[in-house]
Amino acid sequence: AKQHLSIRYRSGGTTQSGFDCSGFTRFCFKHFGISLPHSSAAQGN
């Protein structure tokens, strides 16, 4: 996650060209084989 500091915010973003909040956490965990939903509300469950 720290390797991606300063990557810009992008609504709905899920890649290194831009992340939204849940896209970022999803991206980080997915790199290690963990699938999280792409919405902060769903990640809250």
All heavy atoms as atom14 arrays in JSON, in Angstrom:
{
  "sequence": "AKQHLSIRYRSGGTTQSGFDCSGFTRFCFKHFGISLPHSSAAQGN",
  "atom14_mask": [
    [1, 1, 1, 1, 1, 0, 0, 0, 0, 0, 0, 0, 0, 0],
    [1, 1, 1, 1, 1, 1, 1, 1, 1, 0, 0, 0, 0, 0],
    [1, 1, 1, 1, 1, 1, 1, 1, 1, 0, 0, 0, 0, 0],
    [1, 1, 1, 1, 1, 1, 1, 1, 1, 1, 0, 0, 0, 0],
    [1, 1, 1, 1, 1, 1, 1, 1, 0, 0, 0, 0, 0, 0],
    [1, 1, 1, 1, 1, 1, 0, 0, 0, 0, 0, 0, 0, 0],
    [1, 1, 1, 1, 1, 1, 1, 1, 0, 0, 0, 0, 0, 0],
    [1, 1, 1, 1, 1, 1, 1, 1, 1, 1, 1, 0, 0, 0],
    [1, 1, 1, 1, 1, 1, 1, 1, 1, 1, 1, 1, 0, 0],
    [1, 1, 1, 1, 1, 1, 1, 1, 1, 1, 1, 0, 0, 0],
    [1, 1, 1, 1, 1, 1, 0, 0, 0, 0, 0, 0, 0, 0],
    [1, 1, 1, 1, 0, 0, 0, 0, 0, 0, 0, 0, 0, 0],
    [1, 1, 1, 1, 0, 0, 0, 0, 0, 0, 0, 0, 0, 0],
    [1, 1, 1, 1, 1, 1, 1, 0, 0, 0, 0, 0, 0, 0],
    [1, 1, 1, 1, 1, 1, 1, 0, 0, 0, 0, 0, 0, 0],
    [1, 1, 1, 1, 1, 1, 1, 1, 1, 0, 0, 0, 0, 0],
    [1, 1, 1, 1, 1, 1, 0, 0, 0, 0, 0, 0, 0, 0],
    [1, 1, 1, 1, 0, 0, 0, 0, 0, 0, 0, 0, 0, 0],
    [1, 1, 1, 1, 1, 1, 1, 1, 1, 1, 1, 0, 0, 0],
    [1, 1, 1, 1, 1, 1, 1, 1, 0, 0, 0, 0, 0, 0],
    [1, 1, 1, 1, 1, 1, 0, 0, 0, 0, 0, 0, 0, 0],
    [1, 1, 1, 1, 1, 1, 0, 0, 0, 0, 0, 0, 0, 0],
    [1, 1, 1, 1, 0, 0, 0, 0, 0, 0, 0, 0, 0, 0],
    [1, 1, 1, 1, 1, 1, 1, 1, 1, 1, 1, 0, 0, 0],
    [1, 1, 1, 1, 1, 1, 1, 0, 0, 0, 0, 0, 0, 0],
    [1, 1, 1, 1, 1, 1, 1, 1, 1, 1, 1, 0, 0, 0],
    [1, 1, 1, 1, 1, 1, 1, 1, 1, 1, 1, 0, 0, 0],
    [1, 1, 1, 1, 1, 1, 0, 0, 0, 0, 0, 0, 0, 0],
    [1, 1, 1, 1, 1, 1, 1, 1, 1, 1, 1, 0, 0, 0],
    [1, 1, 1, 1, 1, 1, 1, 1, 1, 0, 0, 0, 0, 0],
    [1, 1, 1, 1, 1, 1, 1, 1, 1, 1, 0, 0, 0, 0],
    [1, 1, 1, 1, 1, 1, 1, 1, 1, 1, 1, 0, 0, 0],
    [1, 1, 1, 1, 0, 0, 0, 0, 0, 0, 0, 0, 0, 0],
    [1, 1, 1, 1, 1, 1, 1, 1, 0, 0, 0, 0, 0, 0],
    [1, 1, 1, 1, 1, 1, 0, 0, 0, 0, 0, 0, 0, 0],
    [1, 1, 1, 1, 1, 1, 1, 1, 0, 0, 0, 0, 0, 0],
    [1, 1, 1, 1, 1, 1, 1, 0, 0, 0, 0, 0, 0, 0],
    [1, 1, 1, 1, 1, 1, 1, 1, 1, 1, 0, 0, 0, 0],
    [1, 1, 1, 1, 1, 1, 0, 0, 0, 0, 0, 0, 0, 0],
    [1, 1, 1, 1, 1, 1, 0, 0, 0, 0, 0, 0, 0, 0],
    [1, 1, 1, 1, 1, 0, 0, 0, 0, 0, 0, 0, 0, 0],
    [1, 1, 1, 1, 1, 0, 0, 0, 0, 0, 0, 0, 0, 0],
    [1, 1, 1, 1, 1, 1, 1, 1, 1, 0, 0, 0, 0, 0],
    [1, 1, 1, 1, 0, 0, 0, 0, 0, 0, 0, 0, 0, 0],
    [1, 1, 1, 1, 1, 1, 1, 1, 0, 0, 0, 0, 0, 0]
  ],
  "atom14_positions": [
    [[0.84, -1.21, 0.0], [0.0, 0.0, 0.0], [0.87, 1.26, 0.0], [0.61, 2.21, -0.75], [-0.94, -0.01, 1.2], [0.0, 0.0, 0.0], [0.0, 0.0, 0.0], [0.0, 0.0, 0.0], [0.0, 0.0, 0.0], [0.0, 0.0, 0.0], [0.0, 0.0, 0.0], [0.0, 0.0, 0.0], [0.0, 0.0, 0.0], [0.0, 0.0, 0.0]],
    [[1.94, 1.27, 0.79], [2.83, 2.43, 0.89], [3.5, 2.74, -0.44], [3.83, 3.89, -0.71], [3.89, 2.19, 1.96], [3.35, 2.19, 3.37], [4.46, 1.87, 4.36], [3.92, 1.79, 5.77], [4.99, 1.48, 6.74], [0.0, 0.0, 0.0], [0.0, 0.0, 0.0], [0.0, 0.0, 0.0], [0.0, 0.0, 0.0], [0.0, 0.0, 0.0]],
    [[3.7, 1.74, -1.27], [4.33, 1.95, -2.58], [3.46, 2.81, -3.5], [3.93, 3.27, -4.54], [4.61, 0.61, -3.26], [5.66, -0.22, -2.58], [5.76, -1.62, -3.2], [5.34, -1.84, -4.33], [6.3, -2.55, -2.43], [0.0, 0.0, 0.0], [0.0, 0.0, 0.0], [0.0, 0.0, 0.0], [0.0, 0.0, 0.0], [0.0, 0.0, 0.0]],
    [[2.21, 3.01, -3.12], [1.28, 3.74, -3.97], [0.94, 5.13, -3.44], [0.01, 5.78, -3.93], [0.01, 2.89, -4.18], [0.33, 1.6, -4.85], [0.7, 0.47, -4.15], [0.4, 1.27, -6.16], [0.96, -0.5, -4.99], [0.79, -0.05, -6.22], [0.0, 0.0, 0.0], [0.0, 0.0, 0.0], [0.0, 0.0, 0.0], [0.0, 0.0, 0.0]],
    [[1.7, 5.6, -2.46], [1.49, 6.95, -1.94], [1.55, 7.96, -3.07], [2.36, 7.83, -3.99], [2.55, 7.29, -0.88], [2.33, 6.66, 0.49], [3.58, 6.77, 1.34], [1.14, 7.3, 1.19], [0.0, 0.0, 0.0], [0.0, 0.0, 0.0], [0.0, 0.0, 0.0], [0.0, 0.0, 0.0], [0.0, 0.0, 0.0], [0.0, 0.0, 0.0]],
    [[0.7, 8.94, -3.01], [0.61, 10.06, -3.96], [-0.06, 9.74, -5.28], [-0.18, 10.62, -6.13], [2.0, 10.67, -4.23], [2.55, 11.14, -3.02], [0.0, 0.0, 0.0], [0.0, 0.0, 0.0], [0.0, 0.0, 0.0], [0.0, 0.0, 0.0], [0.0, 0.0, 0.0], [0.0, 0.0, 0.0], [0.0, 0.0, 0.0], [0.0, 0.0, 0.0]],
    [[-0.51, 8.5, -5.5], [-1.29, 8.23, -6.71], [-2.6, 8.99, -6.57], [-3.22, 9.01, -5.5], [-1.52, 6.72, -6.92], [-0.2, 6.05, -7.31], [-2.59, 6.47, -7.98], [-0.28, 4.56, -7.55], [0.0, 0.0, 0.0], [0.0, 0.0, 0.0], [0.0, 0.0, 0.0], [0.0, 0.0, 0.0], [0.0, 0.0, 0.0], [0.0, 0.0, 0.0]],
    [[-3.03, 9.61, -7.64], [-4.18, 10.52, -7.58], [-5.48, 9.78, -7.26], [-5.61, 8.58, -7.51], [-4.31, 11.3, -8.88], [-4.8, 10.47, -10.05], [-4.76, 11.31, -11.33], [-5.49, 10.65, -12.4], [-6.64, 11.09, -12.88], [-7.21, 12.16, -12.4], [-7.24, 10.45, -13.86], [0.0, 0.0, 0.0], [0.0, 0.0, 0.0], [0.0, 0.0, 0.0]],
    [[-6.42, 10.55, -6.76], [-7.77, 10.06, -6.53], [-8.52, 10.05, -7.86], [-8.4, 10.99, -8.65], [-8.52, 10.95, -5.53], [-9.94, 10.48, -5.29], [-10.21, 9.56, -4.3], [-10.99, 10.96, -6.06], [-11.51, 9.11, -4.08], [-12.28, 10.52, -5.85], [-12.53, 9.59, -4.86], [-13.81, 9.15, -4.65], [0.0, 0.0, 0.0], [0.0, 0.0, 0.0]],
    [[-9.28, 8.99, -8.08], [-10.15, 8.92, -9.26], [-11.43, 8.21, -8.82], [-11.37, 7.06, -8.35], [-9.49, 8.16, -10.39], [-10.44, 8.0, -11.59], [-9.79, 7.27, -12.73], [-8.98, 8.23, -13.48], [-8.22, 7.9, -14.5], [-8.14, 6.65, -14.89], [-7.54, 8.82, -15.13], [0.0, 0.0, 0.0], [0.0, 0.0, 0.0], [0.0, 0.0, 0.0]],
    [[-12.56, 8.86, -8.99], [-13.84, 8.26, -8.62], [-14.02, 6.94, -9.37], [-13.87, 6.89, -10.59], [-14.97, 9.22, -8.97], [-16.21, 8.66, -8.59], [0.0, 0.0, 0.0], [0.0, 0.0, 0.0], [0.0, 0.0, 0.0], [0.0, 0.0, 0.0], [0.0, 0.0, 0.0], [0.0, 0.0, 0.0], [0.0, 0.0, 0.0], [0.0, 0.0, 0.0]],
    [[-14.3, 5.89, -8.66], [-14.47, 4.56, -9.24], [-13.16, 3.9, -9.63], [-13.16, 2.79, -10.15], [0.0, 0.0, 0.0], [0.0, 0.0, 0.0], [0.0, 0.0, 0.0], [0.0, 0.0, 0.0], [0.0, 0.0, 0.0], [0.0, 0.0, 0.0], [0.0, 0.0, 0.0], [0.0, 0.0, 0.0], [0.0, 0.0, 0.0], [0.0, 0.0, 0.0]],
    [[-12.02, 4.56, -9.35], [-10.71, 4.06, -9.77], [-10.26, 2.82, -9.01], [-10.39, 2.73, -7.8], [0.0, 0.0, 0.0], [0.0, 0.0, 0.0], [0.0, 0.0, 0.0], [0.0, 0.0, 0.0], [0.0, 0.0, 0.0], [0.0, 0.0, 0.0], [0.0, 0.0, 0.0], [0.0, 0.0, 0.0], [0.0, 0.0, 0.0], [0.0, 0.0, 0.0]],
    [[-9.67, 1.9, -9.76], [-9.2, 0.63, -9.18], [-7.8, 0.27, -9.66], [-7.35, -0.84, -9.45], [-10.15, -0.53, -9.54], [-10.18, -0.66, -10.97], [-11.56, -0.3, -9.01], [0.0, 0.0, 0.0], [0.0, 0.0, 0.0], [0.0, 0.0, 0.0], [0.0, 0.0, 0.0], [0.0, 0.0, 0.0], [0.0, 0.0, 0.0], [0.0, 0.0, 0.0]],
    [[-7.13, 1.22, -10.33], [-5.8, 0.93, -10.87], [-4.81, 2.01, -10.46], [-5.2, 3.06, -9.92], [-5.83, 0.86, -12.42], [-6.09, 2.18, -12.93], [-6.88, -0.12, -12.91], [0.0, 0.0, 0.0], [0.0, 0.0, 0.0], [0.0, 0.0, 0.0], [0.0, 0.0, 0.0], [0.0, 0.0, 0.0], [0.0, 0.0, 0.0], [0.0, 0.0, 0.0]],
    [[-3.55, 1.79, -10.81], [-2.5, 2.74, -10.44], [-2.63, 4.07, -11.18], [-1.93, 5.02, -10.84], [-1.14, 2.11, -10.69], [-0.89, 0.94, -9.74], [0.37, 0.19, -10.08], [0.71, -0.02, -11.23], [1.08, -0.24, -9.04], [0.0, 0.0, 0.0], [0.0, 0.0, 0.0], [0.0, 0.0, 0.0], [0.0, 0.0, 0.0], [0.0, 0.0, 0.0]],
    [[-3.53, 4.17, -12.14], [-3.76, 5.47, -12.77], [-4.7, 6.33, -11.92], [-4.89, 7.51, -12.2], [-4.32, 5.3, -14.18], [-5.58, 4.67, -14.15], [0.0, 0.0, 0.0], [0.0, 0.0, 0.0], [0.0, 0.0, 0.0], [0.0, 0.0, 0.0], [0.0, 0.0, 0.0], [0.0, 0.0, 0.0], [0.0, 0.0, 0.0], [0.0, 0.0, 0.0]],
    [[-5.27, 5.76, -10.87], [-6.12, 6.49, -9.94], [-7.02, 5.56, -9.16], [-7.54, 4.59, -9.7], [0.0, 0.0, 0.0], [0.0, 0.0, 0.0], [0.0, 0.0, 0.0], [0.0, 0.0, 0.0], [0.0, 0.0, 0.0], [0.0, 0.0, 0.0], [0.0, 0.0, 0.0], [0.0, 0.0, 0.0], [0.0, 0.0, 0.0], [0.0, 0.0, 0.0]],
    [[-7.18, 5.84, -7.87], [-7.99, 5.0, -6.98], [-9.04, 5.84, -6.29], [-8.78, 6.99, -5.91], [-7.14, 4.4, -5.86], [-6.08, 3.44, -6.28], [-4.74, 3.8, -6.25], [-6.41, 2.16, -6.69], [-3.75, 2.92, -6.61], [-5.42, 1.26, -7.06], [-4.09, 1.65, -7.03], [0.0, 0.0, 0.0], [0.0, 0.0, 0.0], [0.0, 0.0, 0.0]],
    [[-10.21, 5.24, -6.05], [-11.07, 5.78, -5.02], [-10.72, 5.0, -3.75], [-9.85, 4.12, -3.78], [-12.56, 5.71, -5.39], [-13.13, 4.31, -5.51], [-12.44, 3.32, -5.16], [-14.29, 4.19, -5.94], [0.0, 0.0, 0.0], [0.0, 0.0, 0.0], [0.0, 0.0, 0.0], [0.0, 0.0, 0.0], [0.0, 0.0, 0.0], [0.0, 0.0, 0.0]],
    [[-11.35, 5.3, -2.64], [-10.93, 4.69, -1.37], [-11.07, 3.17, -1.37], [-10.13, 2.45, -1.04], [-11.68, 5.31, -0.2], [-13.48, 5.05, -0.22], [0.0, 0.0, 0.0], [0.0, 0.0, 0.0], [0.0, 0.0, 0.0], [0.0, 0.0, 0.0], [0.0, 0.0, 0.0], [0.0, 0.0, 0.0], [0.0, 0.0, 0.0], [0.0, 0.0, 0.0]],
    [[-12.23, 2.68, -1.74], [-12.44, 1.22, -1.72], [-11.7, 0.53, -2.85], [-11.27, -0.62, -2.71], [-13.93, 0.89, -1.77], [-14.51, 1.42, -2.94], [0.0, 0.0, 0.0], [0.0, 0.0, 0.0], [0.0, 0.0, 0.0], [0.0, 0.0, 0.0], [0.0, 0.0, 0.0], [0.0, 0.0, 0.0], [0.0, 0.0, 0.0], [0.0, 0.0, 0.0]],
    [[-11.5, 1.23, -3.95], [-10.7, 0.68, -5.04], [-9.27, 0.47, -4.6], [-8.62, -0.51, -4.98], [0.0, 0.0, 0.0], [0.0, 0.0, 0.0], [0.0, 0.0, 0.0], [0.0, 0.0, 0.0], [0.0, 0.0, 0.0], [0.0, 0.0, 0.0], [0.0, 0.0, 0.0], [0.0, 0.0, 0.0], [0.0, 0.0, 0.0], [0.0, 0.0, 0.0]],
    [[-8.77, 1.38, -3.76], [-7.4, 1.27, -3.26], [-7.25, 0.08, -2.3], [-6.34, -0.73, -2.45], [-6.97, 2.57, -2.56], [-5.61, 2.49, -1.94], [-4.48, 2.33, -2.73], [-5.46, 2.57, -0.57], [-3.21, 2.26, -2.16], [-4.2, 2.5, 0.01], [-3.08, 2.34, -0.79], [0.0, 0.0, 0.0], [0.0, 0.0, 0.0], [0.0, 0.0, 0.0]],
    [[-8.15, -0.03, -1.31], [-8.03, -1.16, -0.38], [-8.24, -2.48, -1.11], [-7.54, -3.46, -0.86], [-9.02, -1.03, 0.8], [-10.34, -0.83, 0.3], [-8.64, 0.14, 1.71], [0.0, 0.0, 0.0], [0.0, 0.0, 0.0], [0.0, 0.0, 0.0], [0.0, 0.0, 0.0], [0.0, 0.0, 0.0], [0.0, 0.0, 0.0], [0.0, 0.0, 0.0]],
    [[-9.17, -2.49, -2.04], [-9.42, -3.69, -2.84], [-8.18, -4.08, -3.64], [-7.79, -5.24, -3.69], [-10.61, -3.45, -3.76], [-11.03, -4.65, -4.56], [-12.29, -4.32, -5.35], [-12.88, -5.53, -5.85], [-13.09, -5.78, -7.13], [-12.76, -4.88, -8.04], [-13.62, -6.9, -7.51], [0.0, 0.0, 0.0], [0.0, 0.0, 0.0], [0.0, 0.0, 0.0]],
    [[-7.54, -3.11, -4.29], [-6.34, -3.32, -5.08], [-5.22, -3.92, -4.22], [-4.55, -4.88, -4.63], [-5.89, -1.99, -5.69], [-4.61, -2.05, -6.47], [-4.61, -2.45, -7.8], [-3.42, -1.66, -5.89], [-3.43, -2.48, -8.54], [-2.24, -1.69, -6.61], [-2.24, -2.1, -7.94], [0.0, 0.0, 0.0], [0.0, 0.0, 0.0], [0.0, 0.0, 0.0]],
    [[-5.02, -3.36, -3.04], [-3.95, -3.83, -2.15], [-4.17, -5.26, -1.69], [-3.25, -6.09, -1.73], [-3.81, -2.9, -0.94], [-3.21, -1.25, -1.38], [0.0, 0.0, 0.0], [0.0, 0.0, 0.0], [0.0, 0.0, 0.0], [0.0, 0.0, 0.0], [0.0, 0.0, 0.0], [0.0, 0.0, 0.0], [0.0, 0.0, 0.0], [0.0, 0.0, 0.0]],
    [[-5.37, -5.58, -1.27], [-5.65, -6.94, -0.81], [-5.68, -7.93, -1.97], [-5.24, -9.06, -1.82], [-6.95, -6.99, 0.0], [-6.77, -6.52, 1.41], [-6.97, -5.19, 1.75], [-6.38, -7.4, 2.41], [-6.79, -4.75, 3.05], [-6.19, -6.96, 3.71], [-6.39, -5.64, 4.03], [0.0, 0.0, 0.0], [0.0, 0.0, 0.0], [0.0, 0.0, 0.0]],
    [[-6.18, -7.49, -3.13], [-6.25, -8.38, -4.29], [-4.86, -8.84, -4.71], [-4.68, -9.98, -5.15], [-6.95, -7.67, -5.45], [-7.14, -8.55, -6.67], [-7.88, -7.81, -7.77], [-8.07, -8.72, -8.97], [-8.77, -8.03, -10.05], [0.0, 0.0, 0.0], [0.0, 0.0, 0.0], [0.0, 0.0, 0.0], [0.0, 0.0, 0.0], [0.0, 0.0, 0.0]],
    [[-3.86, -7.98, -4.55], [-2.47, -8.33, -4.89], [-2.01, -9.57, -4.11], [-1.12, -10.28, -4.55], [-1.56, -7.14, -4.61], [-0.14, -7.35, -5.01], [0.27, -7.3, -6.33], [0.96, -7.64, -4.28], [1.57, -7.54, -6.38], [2.01, -7.75, -5.15], [0.0, 0.0, 0.0], [0.0, 0.0, 0.0], [0.0, 0.0, 0.0], [0.0, 0.0, 0.0]],
    [[-2.63, -9.81, -2.97], [-2.27, -10.95, -2.12], [-3.35, -12.03, -2.14], [-3.4, -12.89, -1.25], [-1.98, -10.47, -0.69], [-0.76, -9.59, -0.65], [-0.9, -8.21, -0.77], [0.5, -10.12, -0.55], [0.21, -7.39, -0.78], [1.63, -9.32, -0.56], [1.48, -7.94, -0.67], [0.0, 0.0, 0.0], [0.0, 0.0, 0.0], [0.0, 0.0, 0.0]],
    [[-4.23, -11.99, -3.14], [-5.21, -13.04, -3.33], [-6.48, -12.91, -2.51], [-7.25, -13.86, -2.43], [0.0, 0.0, 0.0], [0.0, 0.0, 0.0], [0.0, 0.0, 0.0], [0.0, 0.0, 0.0], [0.0, 0.0, 0.0], [0.0, 0.0, 0.0], [0.0, 0.0, 0.0], [0.0, 0.0, 0.0], [0.0, 0.0, 0.0], [0.0, 0.0, 0.0]],
    [[-6.72, -11.74, -1.93], [-7.92, -11.53, -1.13], [-8.87, -10.64, -1.92], [-8.52, -9.55, -2.32], [-7.59, -10.84, 0.21], [-6.57, -11.64, 0.99], [-8.85, -10.59, 1.03], [-6.98, -13.05, 1.31], [0.0, 0.0, 0.0], [0.0, 0.0, 0.0], [0.0, 0.0, 0.0], [0.0, 0.0, 0.0], [0.0, 0.0, 0.0], [0.0, 0.0, 0.0]],
    [[-10.09, -11.12, -2.11], [-11.07, -10.36, -2.87], [-11.98, -9.58, -1.91], [-12.66, -10.17, -1.08], [-11.91, -11.32, -3.72], [-12.85, -10.61, -4.46], [0.0, 0.0, 0.0], [0.0, 0.0, 0.0], [0.0, 0.0, 0.0], [0.0, 0.0, 0.0], [0.0, 0.0, 0.0], [0.0, 0.0, 0.0], [0.0, 0.0, 0.0], [0.0, 0.0, 0.0]],
    [[-11.95, -8.26, -2.05], [-12.86, -7.39, -1.29], [-13.84, -6.78, -2.28], [-13.5, -6.55, -3.44], [-12.08, -6.26, -0.6], [-11.12, -6.64, 0.52], [-10.41, -5.39, 1.05], [-11.85, -7.35, 1.65], [0.0, 0.0, 0.0], [0.0, 0.0, 0.0], [0.0, 0.0, 0.0], [0.0, 0.0, 0.0], [0.0, 0.0, 0.0], [0.0, 0.0, 0.0]],
    [[-15.05, -6.48, -1.83], [-16.01, -5.81, -2.71], [-15.55, -4.39, -3.03], [-14.75, -3.81, -2.29], [-17.3, -5.81, -1.9], [-16.93, -6.11, -0.51], [-15.59, -6.76, -0.51], [0.0, 0.0, 0.0], [0.0, 0.0, 0.0], [0.0, 0.0, 0.0], [0.0, 0.0, 0.0], [0.0, 0.0, 0.0], [0.0, 0.0, 0.0], [0.0, 0.0, 0.0]],
    [[-16.05, -3.83, -4.14], [-15.65, -2.47, -4.51], [-16.71, -1.45, -4.09], [-17.36, -0.81, -4.9], [-15.37, -2.34, -6.0], [-14.81, -0.99, -6.33], [-14.56, -0.57, -7.59], [-14.45, 0.05, -5.54], [-14.07, 0.66, -7.58], [-14.01, 1.05, -6.33], [0.0, 0.0, 0.0], [0.0, 0.0, 0.0], [0.0, 0.0, 0.0], [0.0, 0.0, 0.0]],
    [[-16.88, -1.35, -2.82], [-17.61, -0.23, -2.23], [-17.24, -0.22, -0.75], [-17.06, -1.27, -0.14], [-19.13, -0.36, -2.41], [-19.73, -1.05, -1.36], [0.0, 0.0, 0.0], [0.0, 0.0, 0.0], [0.0, 0.0, 0.0], [0.0, 0.0, 0.0], [0.0, 0.0, 0.0], [0.0, 0.0, 0.0], [0.0, 0.0, 0.0], [0.0, 0.0, 0.0]],
    [[-17.07, 0.98, -0.22], [-16.69, 1.07, 1.19], [-17.78, 0.49, 2.08], [-17.48, -0.17, 3.08], [-16.38, 2.52, 1.57], [-17.42, 3.37, 1.18], [0.0, 0.0, 0.0], [0.0, 0.0, 0.0], [0.0, 0.0, 0.0], [0.0, 0.0, 0.0], [0.0, 0.0, 0.0], [0.0, 0.0, 0.0], [0.0, 0.0, 0.0], [0.0, 0.0, 0.0]],
    [[-19.05, 0.7, 1.72], [-20.15, 0.15, 2.53], [-20.08, -1.37, 2.54], [-20.26, -2.0, 3.59], [-21.49, 0.63, 2.0], [0.0, 0.0, 0.0], [0.0, 0.0, 0.0], [0.0, 0.0, 0.0], [0.0, 0.0, 0.0], [0.0, 0.0, 0.0], [0.0, 0.0, 0.0], [0.0, 0.0, 0.0], [0.0, 0.0, 0.0], [0.0, 0.0, 0.0]],
    [[-19.82, -1.99, 1.4], [-19.74, -3.45, 1.34], [-18.51, -3.96, 2.08], [-18.56, -5.0, 2.74], [-19.72, -3.92, -0.12], [0.0, 0.0, 0.0], [0.0, 0.0, 0.0], [0.0, 0.0, 0.0], [0.0, 0.0, 0.0], [0.0, 0.0, 0.0], [0.0, 0.0, 0.0], [0.0, 0.0, 0.0], [0.0, 0.0, 0.0], [0.0, 0.0, 0.0]],
    [[-17.39, -3.22, 2.0], [-16.2, -3.63, 2.75], [-16.45, -3.55, 4.25], [-15.82, -4.26, 5.04], [-14.99, -2.79, 2.35], [-14.48, -3.14, 0.97], [-13.25, -2.37, 0.56], [-12.55, -1.78, 1.38], [-12.96, -2.38, -0.74], [0.0, 0.0, 0.0], [0.0, 0.0, 0.0], [0.0, 0.0, 0.0], [0.0, 0.0, 0.0], [0.0, 0.0, 0.0]],
    [[-17.41, -2.72, 4.66], [-17.79, -2.62, 6.06], [-18.52, -3.84, 6.57], [-18.79, -3.96, 7.77], [0.0, 0.0, 0.0], [0.0, 0.0, 0.0], [0.0, 0.0, 0.0], [0.0, 0.0, 0.0], [0.0, 0.0, 0.0], [0.0, 0.0, 0.0], [0.0, 0.0, 0.0], [0.0, 0.0, 0.0], [0.0, 0.0, 0.0], [0.0, 0.0, 0.0]],
    [[-18.84, -4.78, 5.69], [-19.49, -6.03, 6.09], [-18.56, -7.23, 5.99], [-18.97, -8.35, 6.26], [-20.72, -6.29, 5.2], [-21.8, -5.26, 5.44], [-22.07, -4.88, 6.58], [-22.39, -4.77, 4.37], [0.0, 0.0, 0.0], [0.0, 0.0, 0.0], [0.0, 0.0, 0.0], [0.0, 0.0, 0.0], [0.0, 0.0, 0.0], [0.0, 0.0, 0.0]]
  ]
}
